[in-house]
Structure formats: structure tokens, C-alpha cells
């Protein structure tokens, strides 16, 4: 994940535990529809831009 999605970000050299705590353990509401699953994240998360850029980099 670091090589593919977090290059150039503040978590590019972070260990796996730090990435998990800061980026992946985010409270969210999951809304399921027949066609897609949406995650509703808090708008004031301090690493919001890093999360969005990583999500876009990992998306097919």
C-alpha cells in the first residue's frame, strides 16, 4: 500500500501499524444499495486528503 497508494504523502514511510491507526481505523457509516456500497466519512478528518488519494490510487 505504501508503494502503490501513499507515495508522496506524509504516510509514505510510516510503518504498517501507523497506517492502520491513522488511515484505516476511521469511523464511517456504510450505506448499501443494490448497485454500490457508499462510505460516509467525517468531513473533518485530519488525513482526509491522504485517504482520498490512496482510495483513488487503489480503485480499479
C-alpha atoms as a PDB file:
ATOM      1  CA  UNK A   1       0.000   0.000   0.000  1.00  0.00           C
ATOM      2  CA  UNK A   2       2.864   2.367   0.718  1.00  0.00           C
ATOM      3  CA  UNK A   3       4.442   1.855  -2.715  1.00  0.00           C
ATOM      4  CA  UNK A   4       1.193   1.981  -4.648  1.00  0.00           C
ATOM      5  CA  UNK A   5      -1.075   4.438  -2.863  1.00  0.00           C
ATOM      6  CA  UNK A   6       0.877   6.518  -0.354  1.00  0.00           C
ATOM      7  CA  UNK A   7       3.839   7.744  -2.397  1.00  0.00           C
ATOM      8  CA  UNK A   8       4.471  11.425  -1.837  1.00  0.00           C
ATOM      9  CA  UNK A   9       2.216  11.638   1.213  1.00  0.00           C
ATOM     10  CA  UNK A  10       3.074  12.067   4.877  1.00  0.00           C
ATOM     11  CA  UNK A  11       2.499   8.324   5.430  1.00  0.00           C
ATOM     12  CA  UNK A  12       4.873   7.191   2.679  1.00  0.00           C
ATOM     13  CA  UNK A  13       7.484   5.997   5.186  1.00  0.00           C
ATOM     14  CA  UNK A  14       5.139   5.036   8.025  1.00  0.00           C
ATOM     15  CA  UNK A  15       5.073   1.540   9.487  1.00  0.00           C
ATOM     16  CA  UNK A  16       2.046  -0.709   8.953  1.00  0.00           C
ATOM     17  CA  UNK A  17       0.697  -0.109  12.464  1.00  0.00           C
ATOM     18  CA  UNK A  18       0.759   3.666  11.994  1.00  0.00           C
ATOM     19  CA  UNK A  19      -1.030   3.413   8.653  1.00  0.00           C
ATOM     20  CA  UNK A  20      -3.679   1.194  10.200  1.00  0.00           C
ATOM     21  CA  UNK A  21      -4.264   3.507  13.154  1.00  0.00           C
ATOM     22  CA  UNK A  22      -4.180   6.823  11.280  1.00  0.00           C
ATOM     23  CA  UNK A  23      -5.763   5.874   7.973  1.00  0.00           C
ATOM     24  CA  UNK A  24      -7.779   2.690   8.193  1.00  0.00           C
ATOM     25  CA  UNK A  25      -9.371   2.947  11.642  1.00  0.00           C
ATOM     26  CA  UNK A  26     -11.757   5.740  10.702  1.00  0.00           C
ATOM     27  CA  UNK A  27     -15.364   5.735  11.836  1.00  0.00           C
ATOM     28  CA  UNK A  28     -17.748   5.632   8.904  1.00  0.00           C
ATOM     29  CA  UNK A  29     -21.347   4.928   8.059  1.00  0.00           C
ATOM     30  CA  UNK A  30     -21.870   2.237   5.428  1.00  0.00           C
ATOM     31  CA  UNK A  31     -24.836   2.687   3.077  1.00  0.00           C
ATOM     32  CA  UNK A  32     -25.583  -0.305   0.865  1.00  0.00           C
ATOM     33  CA  UNK A  33     -27.651  -0.025  -2.263  1.00  0.00           C
ATOM     34  CA  UNK A  34     -28.433  -2.655  -4.874  1.00  0.00           C
ATOM     35  CA  UNK A  35     -25.653  -1.398  -7.142  1.00  0.00           C
ATOM     36  CA  UNK A  36     -22.995   0.058  -4.857  1.00  0.00           C
ATOM     37  CA  UNK A  37     -21.694   0.491  -1.354  1.00  0.00           C
ATOM     38  CA  UNK A  38     -21.045   4.024  -0.112  1.00  0.00           C
ATOM     39  CA  UNK A  39     -18.884   5.036   2.831  1.00  0.00           C
ATOM     40  CA  UNK A  40     -19.867   8.241   4.575  1.00  0.00           C
ATOM     41  CA  UNK A  41     -16.766   9.575   6.309  1.00  0.00           C
ATOM     42  CA  UNK A  42     -16.399  12.507   8.674  1.00  0.00           C
ATOM     43  CA  UNK A  43     -15.702  15.714   6.781  1.00  0.00           C
ATOM     44  CA  UNK A  44     -13.220  16.990   9.377  1.00  0.00           C
ATOM     45  CA  UNK A  45     -10.744  14.082   9.469  1.00  0.00           C
ATOM     46  CA  UNK A  46      -7.154  15.420   9.560  1.00  0.00           C
ATOM     47  CA  UNK A  47      -5.882  12.940   6.934  1.00  0.00           C
ATOM     48  CA  UNK A  48      -8.846  13.244   4.596  1.00  0.00           C
ATOM     49  CA  UNK A  49      -6.770  14.146   1.522  1.00  0.00           C
ATOM     50  CA  UNK A  50      -4.343  11.275   2.109  1.00  0.00           C
ATOM     51  CA  UNK A  51      -7.231   8.816   2.482  1.00  0.00           C
ATOM     52  CA  UNK A  52      -8.934  10.040  -0.705  1.00  0.00           C
ATOM     53  CA  UNK A  53      -5.758   9.928  -2.778  1.00  0.00           C
ATOM     54  CA  UNK A  54      -4.975   6.400  -1.511  1.00  0.00           C
ATOM     55  CA  UNK A  55      -8.527   5.264  -2.268  1.00  0.00           C
ATOM     56  CA  UNK A  56      -8.322   6.641  -5.808  1.00  0.00           C
ATOM     57  CA  UNK A  57      -4.934   5.029  -6.351  1.00  0.00           C
ATOM     58  CA  UNK A  58      -6.231   1.625  -5.241  1.00  0.00           C
ATOM     59  CA  UNK A  59      -9.533   1.808  -7.153  1.00  0.00           C
ATOM     60  CA  UNK A  60      -9.757  -0.326 -10.313  1.00  0.00           C
END
